[in-house]
């Protein structure tokens, strides 16, 4: 089984890499310069089965393991962070959360079309005044008969203008603090919903990012995900999946930085020899290789826990923190290796550096993950199994129930 899985992982990596080389890398500089998100890439990802790579086949996915998702994200970010982000949000934050918490009816209505790429999912947690402090959110959901009335806004939402379905978190009882947060599946077509892209970003310019607004949006009670008051727990479990994909993507950015640096090291000569012969340049390249291998080990450690259906908050946090920091440093060093040319758009490393900063911030800042890891070591934090976990791989989904 392990040998077969390794072979499948290798084939998957080759397939994604070939896709990225042909359909992202030749065009990404132009898309990034124009701030253009190319929807055709999402369509091709769906055709290849990458939009539901680790969703069970019974729900329209490819049925691969969770480390297959990591490989897809790593190779996509080697092309550009924008398209890894799209898969992170659609699959990691939204679809896997539906798989973990959704009713059979919700899975049929929303998960199946997302897994096969017919529909696109997004995630709405962050607000202008609520980021790391999730309990500070102001969006509300008031019960009105068979509906909830949502009012408020979310910001820094990836795929804001692209997604069909949004997993949104709102207070149903603010007096209960984070125990009063609930989760809802909101459709773009529901009256009162609107979105607006954010322009002028430092990086990930080829990605669609912005705000979504709820002006008395009526959401059927059947679209409540989990129970009232479980929203915070659901959000944290979703972040375990999102952070996993971000960490995997960061390894791809390290790889891209290293590949560009190695190429330039062999082209550029100073003091009569290739700059790759200079020890301090070698040190930067060596650090990239170390960061790539360490990041991959941490990511796949978390992935194996996911494959076994075990909670992985601690391991995923460590992978996200370290891989993103390594990626930020690798991109910075890549610019340094390229010298003045690294400061221009003539080479891709300036884009890598711009893109590398956002993952250090979103889905838990560097500081949040530092505190989390310290609290685990000190014994102040302990993870207990959730009452609902992602299914272990190989998936043993009741196909009869799934197709009923």
Protein backbone atom coordinates (compact mmCIF):
# COMPACT_ATOMS: atom_id res chain seq x y z
CA UNK A 1 0.00 0.00 0.00
CA UNK A 2 2.78 2.47 0.97
CA UNK A 3 4.76 1.72 -2.20
CA UNK A 4 1.65 2.13 -4.33
CA UNK A 5 0.84 5.41 -2.57
CA UNK A 6 4.35 6.74 -3.16
CA UNK A 7 4.02 5.85 -6.84
CA UNK A 8 0.65 7.61 -7.02
CA UNK A 9 2.09 10.68 -5.29
CA UNK A 10 4.92 10.80 -7.82
CA UNK A 11 2.53 10.56 -10.75
CA UNK A 12 0.31 13.22 -9.24
CA UNK A 13 3.25 15.60 -8.74
CA UNK A 14 4.32 15.13 -12.35
CA UNK A 15 0.79 15.81 -13.60
CA UNK A 16 0.36 18.99 -11.57
CA UNK A 17 3.86 20.20 -12.45
CA UNK A 18 3.19 19.70 -16.15
CA UNK A 19 -0.09 21.63 -15.80
CA UNK A 20 1.63 24.50 -13.99
CA UNK A 21 4.48 24.64 -16.51
CA UNK A 22 2.07 24.85 -19.45
CA UNK A 23 -0.93 26.76 -18.15
CA UNK A 24 0.26 29.09 -15.37
CA UNK A 25 3.97 29.96 -15.62
CA UNK A 26 3.91 31.29 -19.22
CA UNK A 27 1.12 33.76 -18.37
CA UNK A 28 1.46 34.57 -14.68
CA UNK A 29 3.71 37.62 -15.05
CA UNK A 30 1.09 39.28 -17.24
CA UNK A 31 -1.81 38.26 -14.99
CA UNK A 32 0.05 39.51 -11.93
CA UNK A 33 0.87 42.85 -13.58
CA UNK A 34 -2.77 43.35 -14.59
CA UNK A 35 -4.24 42.07 -11.32
CA UNK A 36 -6.14 39.49 -13.35
CA UNK A 37 -7.54 36.23 -11.96
CA UNK A 38 -7.92 33.75 -14.82
CA UNK A 39 -11.05 31.60 -14.31
CA UNK A 40 -9.99 29.19 -17.06
CA UNK A 41 -7.32 27.86 -14.69
CA UNK A 42 -10.02 26.84 -12.22
CA UNK A 43 -11.93 25.10 -14.99
CA UNK A 44 -8.88 23.09 -15.99
CA UNK A 45 -8.14 22.21 -12.37
CA UNK A 46 -11.69 20.86 -12.12
CA UNK A 47 -11.27 18.82 -15.31
CA UNK A 48 -8.15 17.22 -13.82
CA UNK A 49 -9.95 16.40 -10.57
CA UNK A 50 -7.86 18.77 -8.44
CA UNK A 51 -10.78 20.76 -7.02
CA UNK A 52 -11.86 17.72 -5.01
CA UNK A 53 -8.60 15.83 -4.84
CA UNK A 54 -9.12 14.48 -1.29
CA UNK A 55 -12.91 14.36 -1.27
CA UNK A 56 -14.38 10.82 -1.36
CA UNK A 57 -15.49 9.61 -4.77
CA UNK A 58 -18.99 9.10 -3.35
CA UNK A 59 -19.23 12.90 -3.05
CA UNK A 60 -17.80 13.73 -6.46
CA UNK A 61 -14.13 13.92 -5.52
CA UNK A 62 -11.01 12.05 -6.63
CA UNK A 63 -10.75 10.03 -3.42
CA UNK A 64 -7.02 10.63 -2.93
CA UNK A 65 -5.39 10.99 0.48
CA UNK A 66 -4.75 14.27 2.28
CA UNK A 67 -1.07 14.38 1.37
CA UNK A 68 -2.18 14.37 -2.27
CA UNK A 69 -3.86 17.68 -1.52
CA UNK A 70 -0.52 18.89 -0.13
CA UNK A 71 1.27 17.91 -3.35
CA UNK A 72 -1.31 19.74 -5.48
CA UNK A 73 -0.94 22.88 -3.36
CA UNK A 74 2.86 22.74 -3.37
CA UNK A 75 3.08 22.43 -7.13
CA UNK A 76 0.43 25.11 -7.75
CA UNK A 77 2.29 27.62 -5.59
CA UNK A 78 5.45 26.84 -7.49
CA UNK A 79 3.53 28.52 -10.33
CA UNK A 80 1.88 31.25 -8.28
CA UNK A 81 0.35 31.72 -4.85
CA UNK A 82 -2.95 32.91 -6.35
CA UNK A 83 -3.97 29.51 -7.68
CA UNK A 84 -2.79 27.59 -4.62
CA UNK A 85 -4.91 30.02 -2.61
CA UNK A 86 -7.93 29.19 -4.77
CA UNK A 87 -7.59 25.48 -4.01
CA UNK A 88 -6.83 26.17 -0.33
CA UNK A 89 -10.04 28.13 0.08
CA UNK A 90 -12.28 26.01 -2.13
CA UNK A 91 -11.07 22.61 -0.92
CA UNK A 92 -9.29 23.17 2.40
CA UNK A 93 -11.51 25.73 4.09
CA UNK A 94 -14.87 25.06 2.47
CA UNK A 95 -15.26 21.57 0.99
CA UNK A 96 -13.42 19.67 3.71
CA UNK A 97 -15.46 21.53 6.33
CA UNK A 98 -18.66 20.46 4.59
CA UNK A 99 -17.34 16.89 4.50
CA UNK A 100 -16.63 17.03 8.24
CA UNK A 101 -19.70 18.89 9.51
CA UNK A 102 -22.38 18.82 6.82
CA UNK A 103 -25.60 16.84 6.80
CA UNK A 104 -26.15 14.38 3.97
CA UNK A 105 -28.51 16.87 2.34
CA UNK A 106 -25.92 19.66 2.56
CA UNK A 107 -23.24 17.41 1.10
CA UNK A 108 -25.43 16.48 -1.83
CA UNK A 109 -26.46 20.07 -2.52
CA UNK A 110 -23.14 21.83 -1.98
CA UNK A 111 -20.20 19.43 -1.56
CA UNK A 112 -20.80 17.27 -4.64
CA UNK A 113 -20.86 20.16 -7.16
CA UNK A 114 -17.84 21.73 -5.44
CA UNK A 115 -15.85 18.50 -5.46
CA UNK A 116 -16.34 18.04 -9.18
CA UNK A 117 -15.68 21.73 -9.85
CA UNK A 118 -19.11 22.71 -11.14
CA UNK A 119 -19.40 25.19 -8.28
CA UNK A 120 -16.74 27.12 -6.36
CA UNK A 121 -16.69 27.50 -2.57
CA UNK A 122 -15.19 30.23 -0.37
CA UNK A 123 -14.81 31.03 3.33
CA UNK A 124 -15.98 34.10 5.28
CA UNK A 125 -14.52 34.54 8.77
CA UNK A 126 -12.29 37.65 8.82
CA UNK A 127 -13.88 41.08 9.32
CA UNK A 128 -12.48 44.63 9.41
CA UNK A 129 -12.30 44.39 13.21
CA UNK A 130 -11.91 40.64 13.66
CA UNK A 131 -8.88 38.68 12.49
CA UNK A 132 -6.87 36.70 15.03
CA UNK A 133 -9.51 37.66 17.62
CA UNK A 134 -12.36 35.71 16.02
CA UNK A 135 -14.79 36.46 18.84
CA UNK A 136 -14.71 40.16 17.87
CA UNK A 137 -16.73 39.59 14.70
CA UNK A 138 -19.87 41.71 14.25
CA UNK A 139 -21.83 39.81 11.60
CA UNK A 140 -25.14 38.64 13.05
CA UNK A 141 -27.69 35.95 12.19
CA UNK A 142 -31.16 36.38 13.67
CA UNK A 143 -33.69 33.53 13.46
CA UNK A 144 -36.91 34.46 11.65
CA UNK A 145 -39.18 31.45 11.26
CA UNK A 146 -37.59 29.04 8.79
CA UNK A 147 -34.76 31.45 7.95
CA UNK A 148 -31.85 33.33 9.51
CA UNK A 149 -31.36 36.99 8.61
CA UNK A 150 -27.67 37.79 8.11
CA UNK A 151 -26.26 41.31 8.38
CA UNK A 152 -22.63 42.38 8.32
CA UNK A 153 -19.50 42.13 6.20
CA UNK A 154 -16.35 40.08 5.75
CA UNK A 155 -13.01 41.19 4.36
CA UNK A 156 -9.91 39.65 2.77
CA UNK A 157 -12.12 36.96 1.28
CA UNK A 158 -10.40 34.95 -1.44
CA UNK A 159 -12.58 34.20 -4.50
CA UNK A 160 -15.01 36.92 -3.36
CA UNK A 161 -16.20 37.62 -6.93
CA UNK A 162 -15.75 34.05 -8.17
CA UNK A 163 -17.28 31.70 -5.59
CA UNK A 164 -20.84 30.40 -5.76
CA UNK A 165 -21.06 29.25 -2.11
CA UNK A 166 -19.65 30.88 1.02
CA UNK A 167 -19.15 29.34 4.44
CA UNK A 168 -19.97 32.30 6.70
CA UNK A 169 -19.64 32.76 10.46
CA UNK A 170 -21.99 35.01 12.42
CA UNK A 171 -23.26 35.56 15.94
CA UNK A 172 -26.59 33.96 16.77
CA UNK A 173 -26.14 34.90 20.46
CA UNK A 174 -23.43 37.47 21.21
CA UNK A 175 -23.95 37.15 24.98
CA UNK A 176 -22.31 33.72 24.78
CA UNK A 177 -19.08 35.12 23.31
CA UNK A 178 -17.42 32.56 21.00
CA UNK A 179 -19.97 29.93 22.07
CA UNK A 180 -22.61 32.06 20.35
CA UNK A 181 -21.05 31.91 16.87
CA UNK A 182 -22.76 29.77 14.21
CA UNK A 183 -21.83 28.71 10.68
CA UNK A 184 -23.97 29.12 7.56
CA UNK A 185 -23.81 28.16 3.89
CA UNK A 186 -24.64 31.28 1.89
CA UNK A 187 -25.24 31.35 -1.86
CA UNK A 188 -24.13 34.27 -4.00
CA UNK A 189 -27.58 34.50 -5.57
CA UNK A 190 -29.35 35.11 -2.26
CA UNK A 191 -30.88 38.63 -2.26
CA UNK A 192 -28.87 41.11 -0.19
CA UNK A 193 -25.50 39.48 -0.90
CA UNK A 194 -22.80 41.50 -2.68
CA UNK A 195 -19.03 41.48 -3.14
CA UNK A 196 -16.25 43.91 -4.00
CA UNK A 197 -12.62 43.17 -4.92
CA UNK A 198 -9.71 44.80 -3.08
CA UNK A 199 -7.15 46.47 -5.35
CA UNK A 200 -3.61 47.61 -4.65
CA UNK A 201 -2.36 44.51 -2.80
CA UNK A 202 1.34 44.05 -2.14
CA UNK A 203 1.26 40.49 -3.48
CA UNK A 204 -0.97 37.71 -4.84
CA UNK A 205 -2.12 40.27 -7.38
CA UNK A 206 -3.35 37.56 -9.74
CA UNK A 207 -5.76 36.39 -7.05
CA UNK A 208 -9.32 37.57 -6.52
CA UNK A 209 -9.55 38.95 -2.98
CA UNK A 210 -12.06 41.33 -1.46
CA UNK A 211 -15.08 41.97 0.71
CA UNK A 212 -18.50 40.35 0.92
CA UNK A 213 -21.58 42.06 2.35
CA UNK A 214 -24.84 40.81 3.88
CA UNK A 215 -27.78 43.19 3.81
CA UNK A 216 -30.63 41.26 5.45
CA UNK A 217 -29.74 38.09 3.56
CA UNK A 218 -32.35 35.40 4.23
CA UNK A 219 -30.64 32.04 4.68
CA UNK A 220 -32.80 28.90 5.07
CA UNK A 221 -32.44 27.16 8.42
CA UNK A 222 -31.34 24.07 6.48
CA UNK A 223 -28.16 25.99 5.63
CA UNK A 224 -27.02 26.13 9.25
CA UNK A 225 -23.83 24.04 9.35
CA UNK A 226 -23.64 22.04 12.55
CA UNK A 227 -25.66 23.34 15.47
CA UNK A 228 -26.20 26.87 16.73
CA UNK A 229 -23.16 27.86 18.78
CA UNK A 230 -20.78 25.39 17.08
CA UNK A 231 -19.44 27.98 14.66
CA UNK A 232 -16.22 28.70 16.52
CA UNK A 233 -15.41 24.99 16.75
CA UNK A 234 -16.22 24.55 13.07
CA UNK A 235 -14.05 27.54 12.13
CA UNK A 236 -11.08 26.18 14.07
CA UNK A 237 -11.41 22.76 12.43
CA UNK A 238 -11.61 24.47 9.03
CA UNK A 239 -8.41 26.36 9.79
CA UNK A 240 -6.64 23.06 10.49
CA UNK A 241 -7.35 22.18 6.87
CA UNK A 242 -6.64 25.63 5.45
CA UNK A 243 -3.36 25.96 7.33
CA UNK A 244 -2.31 22.56 6.06
CA UNK A 245 -2.73 23.70 2.46
CA UNK A 246 -0.98 27.02 3.13
CA UNK A 247 2.01 25.19 4.62
CA UNK A 248 2.16 22.86 1.62
CA UNK A 249 1.98 25.81 -0.74
CA UNK A 250 4.82 27.53 1.08
CA UNK A 251 7.03 24.56 0.18
CA UNK A 252 6.21 25.27 -3.45
CA UNK A 253 7.30 28.87 -3.08
CA UNK A 254 10.59 27.73 -1.55
CA UNK A 255 11.02 25.38 -4.50
CA UNK A 256 10.31 28.15 -7.01
CA UNK A 257 12.75 30.50 -5.26
CA UNK A 258 15.43 27.83 -5.25
CA UNK A 259 14.92 26.86 -8.90
CA UNK A 260 15.16 30.49 -10.01
CA UNK A 261 18.24 31.04 -7.84
CA UNK A 262 20.05 27.94 -9.11
CA UNK A 263 19.40 28.98 -12.70
CA UNK A 264 20.71 32.49 -12.09
CA UNK A 265 23.72 31.20 -10.12
CA UNK A 266 24.86 29.34 -13.22
CA UNK A 267 24.23 32.27 -15.57
CA UNK A 268 25.76 35.14 -13.62
CA UNK A 269 29.50 35.49 -13.12
CA UNK A 270 31.43 37.78 -10.77
CA UNK A 271 35.13 37.90 -10.03
CA UNK A 272 35.75 35.42 -12.80
CA UNK A 273 33.41 32.64 -11.70
CA UNK A 274 29.75 31.67 -11.44
CA UNK A 275 28.16 33.32 -8.41
CA UNK A 276 27.11 29.85 -7.26
CA UNK A 277 30.77 29.28 -6.43
CA UNK A 278 30.71 31.98 -3.76
CA UNK A 279 30.21 30.54 -0.29
CA UNK A 280 27.69 33.09 0.99
CA UNK A 281 25.52 32.50 -2.07
CA UNK A 282 25.83 28.77 -1.43
CA UNK A 283 24.69 29.38 2.13
CA UNK A 284 21.48 31.00 0.91
CA UNK A 285 20.81 28.15 -1.52
CA UNK A 286 21.56 25.57 1.18
CA UNK A 287 19.10 27.27 3.53
CA UNK A 288 16.43 27.05 0.83
CA UNK A 289 17.00 23.31 0.50
CA UNK A 290 16.86 22.86 4.28
CA UNK A 291 13.65 24.88 4.49
CA UNK A 292 12.07 22.87 1.67
CA UNK A 293 12.87 19.50 3.24
CA UNK A 294 11.89 20.56 6.77
CA UNK A 295 8.67 22.13 5.51
CA UNK A 296 7.72 19.02 3.55
CA UNK A 297 8.39 16.74 6.52
CA UNK A 298 6.20 18.88 8.80
CA UNK A 299 3.42 19.07 6.20
CA UNK A 300 3.37 15.35 5.51
CA UNK A 301 3.49 14.58 9.23
CA UNK A 302 0.26 16.53 9.62
CA UNK A 303 -1.10 14.88 6.48
CA UNK A 304 -0.53 11.41 7.90
CA UNK A 305 -2.50 12.34 11.01
CA UNK A 306 -5.31 13.53 8.74
CA UNK A 307 -5.12 10.25 6.83
CA UNK A 308 -5.63 8.42 10.13
CA UNK A 309 -8.57 10.61 11.14
CA UNK A 310 -6.66 12.10 14.08
CA UNK A 311 -6.67 15.68 15.29
CA UNK A 312 -3.64 17.58 14.02
CA UNK A 313 -4.02 21.16 15.23
CA UNK A 314 -0.58 21.23 16.88
CA UNK A 315 1.26 19.63 13.98
CA UNK A 316 -0.52 21.72 11.35
CA UNK A 317 0.19 24.93 13.26
CA UNK A 318 3.89 24.10 13.40
CA UNK A 319 3.98 23.25 9.70
CA UNK A 320 2.19 26.46 8.73
CA UNK A 321 4.40 28.66 10.92
CA UNK A 322 7.72 27.16 9.88
CA UNK A 323 7.04 26.55 6.18
CA UNK A 324 5.73 30.10 5.67
CA UNK A 325 8.69 31.63 7.47
CA UNK A 326 11.09 29.52 5.41
CA UNK A 327 9.29 30.60 2.23
CA UNK A 328 9.50 34.27 3.15
CA UNK A 329 13.24 33.91 3.83
CA UNK A 330 13.83 31.88 0.66
CA UNK A 331 12.12 34.52 -1.48
CA UNK A 332 14.09 37.28 0.22
CA UNK A 333 17.35 35.41 -0.40
CA UNK A 334 16.36 34.76 -4.01
CA UNK A 335 16.06 38.51 -4.57
CA UNK A 336 19.44 38.99 -2.88
CA UNK A 337 21.06 36.39 -5.12
CA UNK A 338 19.67 38.14 -8.20
CA UNK A 339 21.02 41.48 -6.98
CA UNK A 340 19.58 44.54 -8.74
CA UNK A 341 17.78 42.30 -11.25
CA UNK A 342 15.90 40.72 -8.36
CA UNK A 343 14.36 44.11 -7.67
CA UNK A 344 12.73 44.20 -11.11
CA UNK A 345 9.98 42.28 -12.87
CA UNK A 346 12.48 40.93 -15.37
CA UNK A 347 12.86 37.89 -13.10
CA UNK A 348 10.09 36.18 -11.09
CA UNK A 349 11.74 36.45 -7.69
CA UNK A 350 10.32 39.90 -6.91
CA UNK A 351 6.84 38.39 -7.30
CA UNK A 352 7.84 35.50 -5.05
CA UNK A 353 8.90 37.94 -2.34
CA UNK A 354 5.68 39.95 -2.62
CA UNK A 355 3.59 36.79 -2.53
CA UNK A 356 5.49 35.27 0.39
CA UNK A 357 4.36 37.84 2.94
CA UNK A 358 0.61 37.18 2.97
CA UNK A 359 0.84 33.53 4.14
CA UNK A 360 2.92 34.66 7.12
CA UNK A 361 -0.13 36.72 8.13
CA UNK A 362 -3.31 34.93 7.12
CA UNK A 363 -4.79 31.80 8.71
CA UNK A 364 -3.01 32.57 11.94
CA UNK A 365 -0.16 35.08 12.08
CA UNK A 366 3.40 34.06 12.86
CA UNK A 367 2.81 35.42 16.36
CA UNK A 368 -0.37 33.37 16.91
CA UNK A 369 1.39 30.15 15.93
CA UNK A 370 4.39 31.01 18.10
CA UNK A 371 2.10 31.37 21.10
CA UNK A 372 0.25 28.16 20.23
CA UNK A 373 3.45 26.14 20.08
CA UNK A 374 4.74 27.57 23.35
CA UNK A 375 1.46 26.79 25.08
CA UNK A 376 1.56 23.19 23.87
CA UNK A 377 5.09 22.78 25.23
CA UNK A 378 4.22 24.47 28.53
CA UNK A 379 1.08 22.38 28.96
CA UNK A 380 -1.29 25.35 28.81
CA UNK A 381 -2.98 24.01 25.67
CA UNK A 382 -4.24 20.50 24.99
CA UNK A 383 -6.21 19.24 21.99
CA UNK A 384 -9.12 16.92 22.51
CA UNK A 385 -10.74 14.91 19.69
CA UNK A 386 -13.59 16.80 18.07
CA UNK A 387 -17.00 15.18 18.09
CA UNK A 388 -16.73 15.20 14.29
CA UNK A 389 -13.46 14.44 12.53
CA UNK A 390 -12.51 14.24 8.89
CA UNK A 391 -12.93 10.67 7.62
CA UNK A 392 -9.76 8.59 7.63
CA UNK A 393 -8.28 7.56 4.30
CA UNK A 394 -8.92 5.21 2.46
CA UNK A 395 -12.43 6.62 2.63
CA UNK A 396 -15.16 4.27 3.73
CA UNK A 397 -18.17 6.40 2.89
CA UNK A 398 -21.59 4.81 2.87
CA UNK A 399 -22.09 5.11 -0.89
CA UNK A 400 -25.69 4.05 -0.69
CA UNK A 401 -26.45 6.88 1.75
CA UNK A 402 -24.34 9.32 -0.25
CA UNK A 403 -26.29 8.64 -3.43
CA UNK A 404 -29.71 8.51 -1.81
